[in-house]
Amino acid sequence: MRGSGKVAAGMLAGVLLASGTAAAAGDPVRAAVGDLVGEGGFPGAVVRVRNGEAVSRFGAGYANPVTREVAGPHHRFRIASNTKSFVATVVLQLAGEGVLSLDDPVERRMPGVVRGPGYEPEKITLRMLLNHTSGVHDPLDPHFFDPYLVHGNRAHLITPSEVIRRSLVDRPSFAPGTDVQYSNTGYLLLGKVIEKITRQDVRKEIQRRILDPLGLGQTYFPLWSPFLRGPHLHGYDMSGKDMTVFSPSYDWTAGAMVSTVDDLATFHRALLAGRLLEAAQQAELKRLVPYGEFGSYGAGVETLELPCAEGTKTVWGNTGAGPGFHSVSMSTADGSKQIVLALNVYDLAAESHGGKRVPKPPLLAVKAALC
């Protein structure tokens, strides 16, 4: 199941190293975002930037180029893999409440579910699912997205259980805990664990534990409807085809949620500052596993080594990418600076079959906000 919400931070950092300084007078973030829109290839962008307690919110370009609706920070977008931070928070809260342990094998919590050639479910822990060291990969079938992209049925339903089944047809990527590889399927398994333990719909747990306490009224978790509610960005592929209508059924706890830049910024600020977790679980959130030269995975969050003029700076948060939408939510380690940026081009077919996924990585904007 490729295309379910991930742009590697290594891709961000690799281009940043070669990018130089944003040539802009005045607000460098606004200038960098402006460069992404229009000639940069994105129809529109929405941004929220914080420096201390000073917040700037703005849009650039169009939410819908056909109707010429101007993009603004009130517009919703599919947050894709930023969903994983919400799911990981629930798992960590349950660990803090003593109803599960991150050392629990998935076989104990979901007996009989992880079955496939070469899989050892008794050795795959919940922690490994959280930090992408489980070896559970996504479906390797190159035709996985054909119902949407080839046959044009954007309302097609693929249940999380079906995604898990199709993932386990092939052997694992590696033995549990011996390597690192991003796994959306691992987060579908975590969603199943949450529902089994709480005996509640995972969406209700996210609502009760995170959205309601933080007042995130513009954030929601669609299950199968291909339509976005309320004012929203329209998302496109590289050819300009509108990808906004797209069933999130396959993505579920790996990347189905919808939000705004304000809500996502509020959530990540609270999470990274320790307002949602007890100290032991906060330590687990930030317990890092390096996945390359430029970053590491924690439990539902990741770090990026950002090259700044004064030296490399570690920034925290998440990224998301899926049909039509690409977003970045990152903060400095001390929490003093933050950016949430949503753009409305991402090419799912290119990710599935090779090719260019976005017109231009949003790297200068991240650098301008956080360096």
Protein backbone atom coordinates (compact mmCIF):
# COMPACT_ATOMS: atom_id res chain seq x y z
CA MET A 1 0.00 0.00 0.00
CA ARG A 2 2.17 2.79 -1.22
CA GLY A 3 0.74 6.29 -1.48
CA SER A 4 -0.84 6.26 1.93
CA GLY A 5 0.79 9.27 3.38
CA LYS A 6 4.55 9.46 3.43
CA VAL A 7 7.22 11.66 1.91
CA ALA A 8 10.58 10.67 3.35
CA ALA A 9 12.32 13.35 5.37
CA GLY A 10 15.49 12.28 3.61
CA MET A 11 13.99 13.66 0.41
CA LEU A 12 13.39 16.96 2.21
CA ALA A 13 16.89 17.14 3.61
CA GLY A 14 18.64 16.02 0.44
CA VAL A 15 17.24 18.90 -1.54
CA LEU A 16 17.74 21.34 1.31
CA LEU A 17 21.46 20.67 1.30
CA ALA A 18 21.63 21.78 -2.32
CA SER A 19 19.13 24.59 -2.14
CA GLY A 20 21.03 27.61 -0.93
CA THR A 21 19.40 30.63 0.69
CA ALA A 22 15.94 31.92 -0.11
CA ALA A 23 16.37 35.17 -1.95
CA ALA A 24 13.56 37.15 -0.45
CA ALA A 25 13.03 40.55 1.04
CA GLY A 26 10.70 40.88 4.00
CA ASP A 27 9.09 37.63 5.14
CA PRO A 28 11.26 34.75 3.91
CA VAL A 29 8.58 32.13 4.63
CA ARG A 30 5.96 33.98 2.64
CA ALA A 31 8.45 34.43 -0.19
CA ALA A 32 9.39 30.73 -0.18
CA VAL A 33 5.74 29.67 -0.20
CA GLY A 34 5.07 32.12 -3.01
CA ASP A 35 7.82 30.45 -5.03
CA LEU A 36 6.02 27.11 -4.65
CA VAL A 37 2.77 28.44 -6.09
CA GLY A 38 2.30 29.33 -9.73
CA GLU A 39 5.68 28.86 -11.40
CA GLY A 40 6.59 26.40 -8.66
CA GLY A 41 3.81 24.14 -9.90
CA PHE A 42 1.40 24.07 -6.95
CA PRO A 43 -2.02 25.67 -7.51
CA GLY A 44 -2.25 26.63 -3.85
CA ALA A 45 -0.76 26.49 -0.37
CA VAL A 46 -1.89 27.21 3.18
CA VAL A 47 0.56 27.91 6.00
CA ARG A 48 0.74 28.53 9.72
CA VAL A 49 4.07 29.72 11.13
CA ARG A 50 4.87 30.37 14.79
CA ASN A 51 7.92 32.11 16.23
CA GLY A 52 7.55 32.09 20.00
CA GLU A 53 3.96 33.22 20.50
CA ALA A 54 3.83 35.26 17.28
CA VAL A 55 1.70 33.44 14.72
CA SER A 56 1.37 34.09 10.99
CA ARG A 57 -1.35 32.37 8.95
CA PHE A 58 -1.79 32.83 5.22
CA GLY A 59 -2.66 31.21 1.93
CA ALA A 60 -1.19 31.51 -1.55
CA GLY A 61 -2.73 30.68 -4.89
CA TYR A 62 -6.01 28.82 -5.23
CA ALA A 63 -7.88 26.23 -3.24
CA ASN A 64 -9.75 25.51 -6.47
CA PRO A 65 -8.23 26.90 -9.68
CA VAL A 66 -11.41 26.20 -11.65
CA THR A 67 -13.61 28.43 -9.48
CA ARG A 68 -10.68 30.75 -8.56
CA GLU A 69 -11.39 30.23 -4.87
CA VAL A 70 -8.42 31.74 -3.03
CA ALA A 71 -6.55 29.40 -0.67
CA GLY A 72 -6.70 30.33 2.99
CA PRO A 73 -5.74 28.83 6.36
CA HIS A 74 -9.39 27.91 7.02
CA HIS A 75 -9.30 25.33 4.23
CA ARG A 76 -9.21 21.68 5.23
CA PHE A 77 -6.92 19.11 3.58
CA ARG A 78 -6.14 15.42 3.91
CA ILE A 79 -3.30 15.19 6.42
CA ALA A 80 -2.26 11.67 5.33
CA SER A 81 0.54 10.27 7.53
CA ASN A 82 0.20 13.06 10.07
CA THR A 83 -2.66 10.79 11.20
CA LYS A 84 -0.06 8.44 12.66
CA SER A 85 0.82 10.93 15.41
CA PHE A 86 -2.79 10.85 16.63
CA VAL A 87 -2.90 7.05 16.57
CA ALA A 88 0.46 6.72 18.33
CA THR A 89 -0.74 9.14 21.02
CA VAL A 90 -3.70 6.90 21.80
CA VAL A 91 -1.47 3.80 21.97
CA LEU A 92 0.96 5.59 24.29
CA GLN A 93 -1.88 6.81 26.51
CA LEU A 94 -3.17 3.24 26.80
CA ALA A 95 0.35 2.17 27.79
CA GLY A 96 0.39 4.89 30.44
CA GLU A 97 -2.92 3.59 31.77
CA GLY A 98 -1.43 0.11 32.10
CA VAL A 99 -3.85 -1.63 29.76
CA LEU A 100 -1.09 -2.57 27.34
CA SER A 101 2.70 -2.62 27.14
CA LEU A 102 4.73 -1.51 24.16
CA ASP A 103 6.63 -4.78 24.61
CA ASP A 104 3.45 -6.79 23.99
CA PRO A 105 3.76 -9.00 20.90
CA VAL A 106 1.15 -8.35 18.24
CA GLU A 107 0.23 -12.04 18.54
CA ARG A 108 -0.84 -11.47 22.14
CA ARG A 109 -3.01 -8.48 21.29
CA MET A 110 -4.28 -9.71 17.90
CA PRO A 111 -3.94 -13.50 17.90
CA GLY A 112 -4.09 -15.08 14.48
CA VAL A 113 -4.08 -11.81 12.53
CA VAL A 114 -0.45 -11.62 11.41
CA ARG A 115 -0.12 -14.78 9.36
CA GLY A 116 2.03 -15.09 6.27
CA PRO A 117 5.20 -16.67 4.91
CA GLY A 118 8.16 -15.83 7.13
CA TYR A 119 6.22 -13.78 9.70
CA GLU A 120 6.89 -14.28 13.41
CA PRO A 121 4.05 -12.40 15.13
CA GLU A 122 5.22 -13.46 18.58
CA LYS A 123 8.41 -11.42 17.97
CA ILE A 124 6.73 -8.27 16.58
CA THR A 125 6.04 -5.84 19.42
CA LEU A 126 3.74 -2.83 19.50
CA ARG A 127 6.82 -0.62 19.83
CA MET A 128 8.14 -2.04 16.55
CA LEU A 129 4.86 -1.17 14.84
CA LEU A 130 5.10 2.37 16.20
CA ASN A 131 8.67 3.02 15.07
CA HIS A 132 8.64 1.07 11.77
CA THR A 133 11.03 -1.70 12.83
CA SER A 134 8.51 -4.56 12.57
CA GLY A 135 9.36 -5.74 9.05
CA VAL A 136 5.66 -5.62 8.12
CA HIS A 137 5.50 -4.00 4.70
CA ASP A 138 2.64 -2.61 2.64
CA PRO A 139 0.99 -4.51 -0.23
CA LEU A 140 3.56 -5.10 -2.95
CA ASP A 141 0.96 -5.54 -5.67
CA PRO A 142 1.63 -2.76 -8.23
CA HIS A 143 -2.05 -2.81 -9.16
CA PHE A 144 -3.26 -2.06 -5.64
CA PHE A 145 -4.57 1.39 -6.61
CA ASP A 146 -5.94 0.39 -10.02
CA PRO A 147 -9.60 0.59 -8.91
CA TYR A 148 -9.04 4.31 -8.21
CA LEU A 149 -6.42 5.31 -10.77
CA VAL A 150 -7.11 3.02 -13.73
CA HIS A 151 -10.80 2.18 -13.46
CA GLY A 152 -11.77 5.59 -12.08
CA ASN A 153 -13.88 4.38 -9.15
CA ARG A 154 -12.83 6.95 -6.55
CA ALA A 155 -15.43 5.60 -4.08
CA HIS A 156 -13.93 2.09 -4.16
CA LEU A 157 -13.66 0.55 -0.67
CA ILE A 158 -10.66 -1.41 0.54
CA THR A 159 -11.02 -2.31 4.20
CA PRO A 160 -8.06 -2.17 6.59
CA SER A 161 -8.40 -5.93 7.10
CA GLU A 162 -8.04 -6.45 3.36
CA VAL A 163 -4.96 -4.22 3.26
CA ILE A 164 -3.41 -6.23 6.11
CA ARG A 165 -4.23 -9.52 4.35
CA ARG A 166 -2.68 -8.33 1.09
CA SER A 167 0.40 -7.06 2.91
CA LEU A 168 1.06 -10.48 4.44
CA VAL A 169 0.92 -12.37 1.14
CA ASP A 170 4.63 -11.65 0.64
CA ARG A 171 7.46 -12.31 3.06
CA PRO A 172 8.40 -9.62 5.62
CA SER A 173 10.96 -6.99 4.71
CA PHE A 174 13.27 -8.18 7.50
CA ALA A 175 13.22 -10.00 10.83
CA PRO A 176 11.48 -8.04 13.61
CA GLY A 177 13.66 -5.33 15.12
CA THR A 178 16.63 -5.81 12.77
CA ASP A 179 16.06 -2.91 10.39
CA VAL A 180 13.84 0.10 9.66
CA GLN A 181 11.27 0.51 6.88
CA TYR A 182 8.23 2.75 6.82
CA SER A 183 5.04 0.69 7.20
CA ASN A 184 1.51 1.98 6.84
CA THR A 185 0.23 -1.54 7.47
CA GLY A 186 1.87 -1.46 10.89
CA TYR A 187 -0.38 1.46 11.81
CA LEU A 188 -3.46 -0.38 10.56
CA LEU A 189 -2.53 -3.16 12.99
CA LEU A 190 -2.21 -0.56 15.77
CA GLY A 191 -5.69 0.72 14.93
CA LYS A 192 -7.01 -2.82 15.32
CA VAL A 193 -5.22 -3.13 18.67
CA ILE A 194 -6.78 0.11 19.94
CA GLU A 195 -10.26 -1.07 18.99
CA LYS A 196 -9.82 -4.50 20.55
CA ILE A 197 -8.50 -3.12 23.85
CA THR A 198 -10.94 -0.22 24.22
CA ARG A 199 -13.91 -1.95 22.55
CA GLN A 200 -14.53 1.37 20.85
CA ASP A 201 -14.25 2.73 17.33
CA VAL A 202 -10.72 4.14 17.06
CA ARG A 203 -12.23 7.40 15.79
CA LYS A 204 -14.16 7.79 19.04
CA GLU A 205 -10.98 7.26 21.04
CA ILE A 206 -9.15 9.94 19.05
CA GLN A 207 -12.11 12.28 19.45
CA ARG A 208 -12.39 11.69 23.21
CA ARG A 209 -8.70 11.69 24.03
CA ILE A 210 -7.33 14.34 21.66
CA LEU A 211 -9.74 16.32 19.50
CA ASP A 212 -12.21 17.30 22.22
CA PRO A 213 -9.64 18.18 24.93
CA LEU A 214 -7.65 20.33 22.50
CA GLY A 215 -10.72 21.89 20.87
CA LEU A 216 -9.79 20.67 17.38
CA GLY A 217 -13.20 21.33 15.86
CA GLN A 218 -12.04 21.38 12.24
CA THR A 219 -10.41 17.95 12.38
CA TYR A 220 -12.23 14.72 11.60
CA PHE A 221 -11.59 11.11 10.66
CA PRO A 222 -13.54 9.90 7.61
CA LEU A 223 -14.06 6.17 7.27
CA TRP A 224 -15.12 5.62 3.67
CA SER A 225 -16.70 8.74 2.14
CA PRO A 226 -14.56 10.04 -0.77
CA PHE A 227 -15.73 13.63 -0.26
CA LEU A 228 -14.21 16.35 1.93
CA ARG A 229 -16.49 18.35 4.21
CA GLY A 230 -16.70 22.13 4.36
CA PRO A 231 -14.20 24.58 2.81
CA HIS A 232 -11.22 22.57 1.57
CA LEU A 233 -8.32 22.57 -0.80
CA HIS A 234 -8.73 20.66 -4.03
CA GLY A 235 -5.88 18.22 -4.60
CA TYR A 236 -4.27 17.35 -7.95
CA ASP A 237 -1.83 14.96 -9.57
CA MET A 238 1.11 16.10 -11.69
CA SER A 239 -1.02 16.22 -14.84
CA GLY A 240 -3.53 18.56 -13.18
CA LYS A 241 -6.22 15.91 -12.70
CA ASP A 242 -8.43 16.66 -9.69
CA MET A 243 -7.84 13.97 -7.03
CA THR A 244 -9.92 15.55 -4.28
CA VAL A 245 -12.66 12.91 -4.37
CA PHE A 246 -10.90 9.75 -3.17
CA SER A 247 -12.01 7.11 -0.67
CA PRO A 248 -9.79 7.05 2.44
CA SER A 249 -10.96 3.53 3.35
CA TYR A 250 -7.60 1.86 2.66
CA ASP A 251 -5.71 4.43 4.71
CA TRP A 252 -7.67 4.37 8.01
CA THR A 253 -5.27 4.72 10.98
CA ALA A 254 -2.30 5.05 8.63
CA GLY A 255 -3.47 8.29 7.04
CA ALA A 256 -7.19 9.03 6.65
CA MET A 257 -7.66 12.13 8.80
CA VAL A 258 -8.60 15.63 7.60
CA SER A 259 -7.61 18.86 9.34
CA THR A 260 -6.51 22.49 9.00
CA VAL A 261 -3.12 24.09 9.57
CA ASP A 262 -4.34 25.61 12.85
CA ASP A 263 -5.66 22.34 14.27
CA LEU A 264 -2.63 20.35 13.20
CA ALA A 265 -0.29 22.95 14.69
CA THR A 266 -2.22 22.93 17.98
CA PHE A 267 -2.06 19.15 18.18
CA HIS A 268 1.64 18.78 17.41
CA ARG A 269 2.55 21.61 19.78
CA ALA A 270 0.64 19.93 22.61
CA LEU A 271 2.08 16.51 21.81
CA LEU A 272 5.71 17.55 21.54
CA ALA A 273 5.45 19.74 24.66
CA GLY A 274 4.30 16.77 26.77
CA ARG A 275 0.72 17.91 27.37
CA LEU A 276 -0.88 14.68 26.11
CA LEU A 277 1.36 12.02 27.65
CA GLU A 278 2.90 11.12 30.99
CA ALA A 279 6.68 11.43 31.28
CA ALA A 280 7.44 7.75 30.59
CA GLN A 281 5.30 7.71 27.47
CA GLN A 282 6.71 11.05 26.31
CA ALA A 283 10.12 9.42 26.48
CA GLU A 284 8.80 6.57 24.32
CA LEU A 285 7.38 9.07 21.82
CA LYS A 286 10.84 10.57 21.40
CA ARG A 287 12.82 7.33 21.55
CA LEU A 288 14.47 7.50 18.15
CA VAL A 289 15.46 4.91 15.57
CA PRO A 290 17.67 6.37 12.80
CA TYR A 291 16.47 5.51 9.30
CA GLY A 292 19.07 7.36 7.28
CA GLU A 293 21.55 10.19 7.25
CA PHE A 294 18.92 12.89 7.63
CA GLY A 295 16.41 11.67 10.19
CA SER A 296 14.93 9.21 12.67
CA TYR A 297 11.56 7.73 13.58
CA GLY A 298 10.00 7.94 17.00
CA ALA A 299 6.56 6.64 17.96
CA GLY A 300 4.37 8.29 15.34
CA VAL A 301 6.73 11.25 14.94
CA GLU A 302 10.00 11.75 13.14
CA THR A 303 13.02 14.03 13.16
CA LEU A 304 14.76 15.79 10.31
CA GLU A 305 18.31 17.11 10.44
CA LEU A 306 17.82 20.56 8.94
CA PRO A 307 20.93 22.33 7.58
CA CYS A 308 20.82 25.92 8.82
CA ALA A 309 23.37 28.69 8.46
CA GLU A 310 24.50 28.28 12.07
CA GLY A 311 24.68 24.48 11.77
CA THR A 312 22.39 21.47 11.62
CA LYS A 313 19.18 21.76 13.61
CA THR A 314 17.01 18.79 14.62
CA VAL A 315 13.33 19.44 13.98
CA TRP A 316 10.39 17.29 15.07
CA GLY A 317 6.98 16.43 13.67
CA ASN A 318 5.64 14.55 10.71
CA THR A 319 4.94 14.73 7.00
CA GLY A 320 2.03 13.46 4.96
CA ALA A 321 1.43 12.66 1.33
CA GLY A 322 -1.46 11.03 -0.46
CA PRO A 323 -3.63 11.50 -3.53
CA GLY A 324 -3.60 15.24 -4.27
CA PHE A 325 -2.14 16.49 -0.97
CA HIS A 326 1.30 16.99 0.56
CA SER A 327 1.85 18.45 4.04
CA VAL A 328 4.65 19.16 6.50
CA SER A 329 4.21 19.77 10.25
CA MET A 330 7.54 20.45 11.96
CA SER A 331 8.83 22.22 15.07
CA THR A 332 12.23 23.02 16.51
CA ALA A 333 13.36 20.78 19.35
CA ASP A 334 12.75 23.51 21.93
CA GLY A 335 9.26 24.20 20.53
CA SER A 336 9.99 27.87 19.88
CA LYS A 337 9.40 27.70 16.12
CA GLN A 338 6.83 25.76 14.13
CA ILE A 339 5.49 25.44 10.59
CA VAL A 340 2.49 23.60 9.20
CA LEU A 341 2.34 23.77 5.41
CA ALA A 342 -0.21 22.12 3.13
CA LEU A 343 0.13 21.96 -0.66
CA ASN A 344 -2.35 20.63 -3.19
CA VAL A 345 -0.35 18.43 -5.55
CA TYR A 346 0.78 14.88 -4.93
CA ASP A 347 0.89 12.19 -7.60
CA LEU A 348 -0.14 8.81 -6.23
CA ALA A 349 0.39 7.03 -9.55
CA ALA A 350 3.96 8.34 -9.69
CA GLU A 351 4.64 6.98 -6.22
CA SER A 352 3.13 3.63 -7.12
CA HIS A 353 4.85 3.22 -10.47
CA GLY A 354 7.81 5.59 -10.43
CA GLY A 355 7.98 9.23 -11.46
CA LYS A 356 7.78 12.74 -10.10
CA ARG A 357 5.34 13.07 -7.19
CA VAL A 358 5.42 16.82 -6.47
CA PRO A 359 6.41 19.77 -8.67
CA LYS A 360 8.92 21.06 -6.12
CA PRO A 361 9.74 19.98 -2.55
CA PRO A 362 8.71 22.63 0.02
CA LEU A 363 12.16 22.74 1.50
CA LEU A 364 13.02 26.42 1.47
CA ALA A 365 9.78 27.22 3.28
CA VAL A 366 10.62 24.74 6.07
CA LYS A 367 14.11 26.11 6.31
CA ALA A 368 12.93 29.74 6.35
CA ALA A 369 10.51 29.01 9.19
CA LEU A 370 12.70 26.86 11.45
CA CYS A 371 16.33 27.96 10.94
